[in-house]
Amino acid sequence: MVEIRYFASVAEAAGVSSEHHPFREGMTAGELRSQLASNRPGEFSRLVGISALLVNGVNADEITVLPQQARVDVLPPFAGG
Protein backbone atom coordinates (compact mmCIF):
# COMPACT_ATOMS: atom_id res chain seq x y z
CA MET A 1 0.00 0.00 0.00
CA VAL A 2 1.04 3.59 -0.69
CA GLU A 3 0.16 6.26 1.86
CA ILE A 4 -1.13 9.39 0.15
CA ARG A 5 -1.40 12.74 1.93
CA TYR A 6 -3.36 15.58 0.38
CA PHE A 7 -2.77 19.23 1.21
CA ALA A 8 -4.75 22.47 0.95
CA SER A 9 -7.26 22.58 -1.93
CA VAL A 10 -6.51 18.97 -2.94
CA ALA A 11 -7.50 17.73 0.51
CA GLU A 12 -10.63 19.84 0.38
CA ALA A 13 -11.59 18.43 -3.03
CA ALA A 14 -10.83 14.86 -1.91
CA GLY A 15 -12.82 15.21 1.30
CA VAL A 16 -9.95 13.51 3.18
CA SER A 17 -6.44 14.52 4.17
CA SER A 18 -4.93 11.07 3.64
CA GLU A 19 -5.69 7.59 2.39
CA HIS A 20 -4.01 4.38 1.32
CA HIS A 21 -3.85 3.20 -2.28
CA PRO A 22 -2.98 -0.27 -3.60
CA PHE A 23 0.65 -0.69 -4.62
CA ARG A 24 1.85 -2.55 -7.70
CA GLU A 25 5.54 -3.40 -8.15
CA GLY A 26 7.06 -0.96 -10.64
CA MET A 27 4.23 1.60 -10.35
CA THR A 28 5.30 5.10 -11.35
CA ALA A 29 4.20 8.41 -9.89
CA GLY A 30 2.50 9.17 -13.22
CA GLU A 31 0.48 5.96 -13.06
CA LEU A 32 -0.54 6.74 -9.50
CA ARG A 33 -1.56 10.27 -10.54
CA SER A 34 -3.74 8.85 -13.34
CA GLN A 35 -5.40 6.34 -11.03
CA LEU A 36 -6.12 8.97 -8.39
CA ALA A 37 -7.60 11.35 -10.97
CA SER A 38 -9.87 8.65 -12.40
CA ASN A 39 -11.16 7.73 -8.92
CA ARG A 40 -12.63 11.19 -8.27
CA PRO A 41 -13.66 13.12 -11.37
CA GLY A 42 -14.19 16.86 -11.31
CA GLU A 43 -12.19 19.39 -9.31
CA PHE A 44 -10.12 16.74 -7.50
CA SER A 45 -9.08 15.19 -10.81
CA ARG A 46 -8.09 18.60 -12.19
CA LEU A 47 -6.06 19.48 -9.11
CA VAL A 48 -4.25 16.13 -9.00
CA GLY A 49 -3.27 16.69 -12.63
CA ILE A 50 -1.48 19.95 -11.85
CA SER A 51 -0.14 19.18 -8.37
CA ALA A 52 3.42 18.38 -7.38
CA LEU A 53 4.05 14.88 -6.06
CA LEU A 54 6.64 14.25 -3.38
CA VAL A 55 7.67 10.63 -2.79
CA ASN A 56 9.14 10.15 0.67
CA GLY A 57 9.85 13.89 0.75
CA VAL A 58 11.54 14.13 -2.66
CA ASN A 59 10.02 15.77 -5.74
CA ALA A 60 8.88 13.08 -8.18
CA ASP A 61 8.36 13.27 -11.91
CA GLU A 62 6.00 11.09 -13.94
CA ILE A 63 8.53 8.28 -14.40
CA THR A 64 9.65 8.02 -10.77
CA VAL A 65 9.14 4.43 -9.65
CA LEU A 66 7.43 4.23 -6.28
CA PRO A 67 9.19 2.18 -3.61
CA GLN A 68 7.24 -0.18 -1.39
CA GLN A 69 5.78 1.58 1.63
CA ALA A 70 6.01 4.94 -0.16
CA ARG A 71 4.48 8.08 1.28
CA VAL A 72 3.24 10.38 -1.47
CA ASP A 73 2.38 14.02 -0.74
CA VAL A 74 0.10 15.76 -3.23
CA LEU A 75 0.75 19.52 -3.17
CA PRO A 76 -1.36 21.90 -5.24
CA PRO A 77 0.31 24.80 -7.03
CA PHE A 78 0.96 27.72 -4.73
CA ALA A 79 0.90 31.34 -5.82
CA GLY A 80 3.01 34.00 -4.25
CA GLY A 81 6.33 35.58 -4.43
C-alpha atoms as a PDB file:
ATOM      1  CA  MET A   1       0.000   0.000   0.000  1.00  0.00           C
ATOM      2  CA  VAL A   2       1.036   3.586  -0.690  1.00  0.00           C
ATOM      3  CA  GLU A   3       0.157   6.263   1.861  1.00  0.00           C
ATOM      4  CA  ILE A   4      -1.132   9.393   0.149  1.00  0.00           C
ATOM      5  CA  ARG A   5      -1.395  12.736   1.934  1.00  0.00           C
ATOM      6  CA  TYR A   6      -3.364  15.584   0.384  1.00  0.00           C
ATOM      7  CA  PHE A   7      -2.767  19.226   1.214  1.00  0.00           C
ATOM      8  CA  ALA A   8      -4.753  22.475   0.954  1.00  0.00           C
ATOM      9  CA  SER A   9      -7.255  22.576  -1.925  1.00  0.00           C
ATOM     10  CA  VAL A  10      -6.514  18.974  -2.943  1.00  0.00           C
ATOM     11  CA  ALA A  11      -7.497  17.727   0.514  1.00  0.00           C
ATOM     12  CA  GLU A  12     -10.626  19.840   0.376  1.00  0.00           C
ATOM     13  CA  ALA A  13     -11.594  18.431  -3.032  1.00  0.00           C
ATOM     14  CA  ALA A  14     -10.826  14.858  -1.905  1.00  0.00           C
ATOM     15  CA  GLY A  15     -12.818  15.212   1.300  1.00  0.00           C
ATOM     16  CA  VAL A  16      -9.954  13.512   3.179  1.00  0.00           C
ATOM     17  CA  SER A  17      -6.438  14.518   4.168  1.00  0.00           C
ATOM     18  CA  SER A  18      -4.931  11.075   3.639  1.00  0.00           C
ATOM     19  CA  GLU A  19      -5.693   7.590   2.388  1.00  0.00           C
ATOM     20  CA  HIS A  20      -4.010   4.379   1.317  1.00  0.00           C
ATOM     21  CA  HIS A  21      -3.846   3.202  -2.280  1.00  0.00           C
ATOM     22  CA  PRO A  22      -2.977  -0.269  -3.599  1.00  0.00           C
ATOM     23  CA  PHE A  23       0.650  -0.688  -4.624  1.00  0.00           C
ATOM     24  CA  ARG A  24       1.848  -2.552  -7.703  1.00  0.00           C
ATOM     25  CA  GLU A  25       5.536  -3.403  -8.152  1.00  0.00           C
ATOM     26  CA  GLY A  26       7.055  -0.956 -10.641  1.00  0.00           C
ATOM     27  CA  MET A  27       4.225   1.597 -10.349  1.00  0.00           C
ATOM     28  CA  THR A  28       5.297   5.104 -11.347  1.00  0.00           C
ATOM     29  CA  ALA A  29       4.204   8.415  -9.894  1.00  0.00           C
ATOM     30  CA  GLY A  30       2.503   9.175 -13.218  1.00  0.00           C
ATOM     31  CA  GLU A  31       0.481   5.959 -13.058  1.00  0.00           C
ATOM     32  CA  LEU A  32      -0.542   6.740  -9.500  1.00  0.00           C
ATOM     33  CA  ARG A  33      -1.561  10.268 -10.537  1.00  0.00           C
ATOM     34  CA  SER A  34      -3.742   8.851 -13.344  1.00  0.00           C
ATOM     35  CA  GLN A  35      -5.398   6.341 -11.027  1.00  0.00           C
ATOM     36  CA  LEU A  36      -6.120   8.967  -8.390  1.00  0.00           C
ATOM     37  CA  ALA A  37      -7.598  11.352 -10.970  1.00  0.00           C
ATOM     38  CA  SER A  38      -9.868   8.654 -12.400  1.00  0.00           C
ATOM     39  CA  ASN A  39     -11.161   7.727  -8.922  1.00  0.00           C
ATOM     40  CA  ARG A  40     -12.629  11.187  -8.266  1.00  0.00           C
ATOM     41  CA  PRO A  41     -13.659  13.117 -11.372  1.00  0.00           C
ATOM     42  CA  GLY A  42     -14.190  16.860 -11.312  1.00  0.00           C
ATOM     43  CA  GLU A  43     -12.192  19.390  -9.307  1.00  0.00           C
ATOM     44  CA  PHE A  44     -10.121  16.740  -7.504  1.00  0.00           C
ATOM     45  CA  SER A  45      -9.081  15.193 -10.815  1.00  0.00           C
ATOM     46  CA  ARG A  46      -8.089  18.600 -12.191  1.00  0.00           C
ATOM     47  CA  LEU A  47      -6.063  19.478  -9.106  1.00  0.00           C
ATOM     48  CA  VAL A  48      -4.246  16.131  -9.003  1.00  0.00           C
ATOM     49  CA  GLY A  49      -3.266  16.694 -12.632  1.00  0.00           C
ATOM     50  CA  ILE A  50      -1.481  19.955 -11.848  1.00  0.00           C
ATOM     51  CA  SER A  51      -0.144  19.177  -8.373  1.00  0.00           C
ATOM     52  CA  ALA A  52       3.415  18.381  -7.385  1.00  0.00           C
ATOM     53  CA  LEU A  53       4.055  14.879  -6.060  1.00  0.00           C
ATOM     54  CA  LEU A  54       6.645  14.249  -3.378  1.00  0.00           C
ATOM     55  CA  VAL A  55       7.665  10.633  -2.785  1.00  0.00           C
ATOM     56  CA  ASN A  56       9.144  10.154   0.671  1.00  0.00           C
ATOM     57  CA  GLY A  57       9.846  13.891   0.753  1.00  0.00           C
ATOM     58  CA  VAL A  58      11.543  14.131  -2.659  1.00  0.00           C
ATOM     59  CA  ASN A  59      10.022  15.771  -5.743  1.00  0.00           C
ATOM     60  CA  ALA A  60       8.878  13.079  -8.181  1.00  0.00           C
ATOM     61  CA  ASP A  61       8.355  13.269 -11.915  1.00  0.00           C
ATOM     62  CA  GLU A  62       5.997  11.090 -13.941  1.00  0.00           C
ATOM     63  CA  ILE A  63       8.532   8.275 -14.399  1.00  0.00           C
ATOM     64  CA  THR A  64       9.654   8.020 -10.769  1.00  0.00           C
ATOM     65  CA  VAL A  65       9.135   4.426  -9.652  1.00  0.00           C
ATOM     66  CA  LEU A  66       7.427   4.226  -6.277  1.00  0.00           C
ATOM     67  CA  PRO A  67       9.188   2.178  -3.608  1.00  0.00           C
ATOM     68  CA  GLN A  68       7.239  -0.176  -1.393  1.00  0.00           C
ATOM     69  CA  GLN A  69       5.776   1.585   1.631  1.00  0.00           C
ATOM     70  CA  ALA A  70       6.006   4.942  -0.160  1.00  0.00           C
ATOM     71  CA  ARG A  71       4.475   8.079   1.277  1.00  0.00           C
ATOM     72  CA  VAL A  72       3.240  10.385  -1.470  1.00  0.00           C
ATOM     73  CA  ASP A  73       2.377  14.016  -0.737  1.00  0.00           C
ATOM     74  CA  VAL A  74       0.101  15.765  -3.233  1.00  0.00           C
ATOM     75  CA  LEU A  75       0.751  19.522  -3.166  1.00  0.00           C
ATOM     76  CA  PRO A  76      -1.357  21.898  -5.239  1.00  0.00           C
ATOM     77  CA  PRO A  77       0.313  24.798  -7.034  1.00  0.00           C
ATOM     78  CA  PHE A  78       0.964  27.719  -4.728  1.00  0.00           C
ATOM     79  CA  ALA A  79       0.898  31.336  -5.821  1.00  0.00           C
ATOM     80  CA  GLY A  80       3.013  34.000  -4.245  1.00  0.00           C
ATOM     81  CA  GLY A  81       6.326  35.576  -4.428  1.00  0.00           C
END
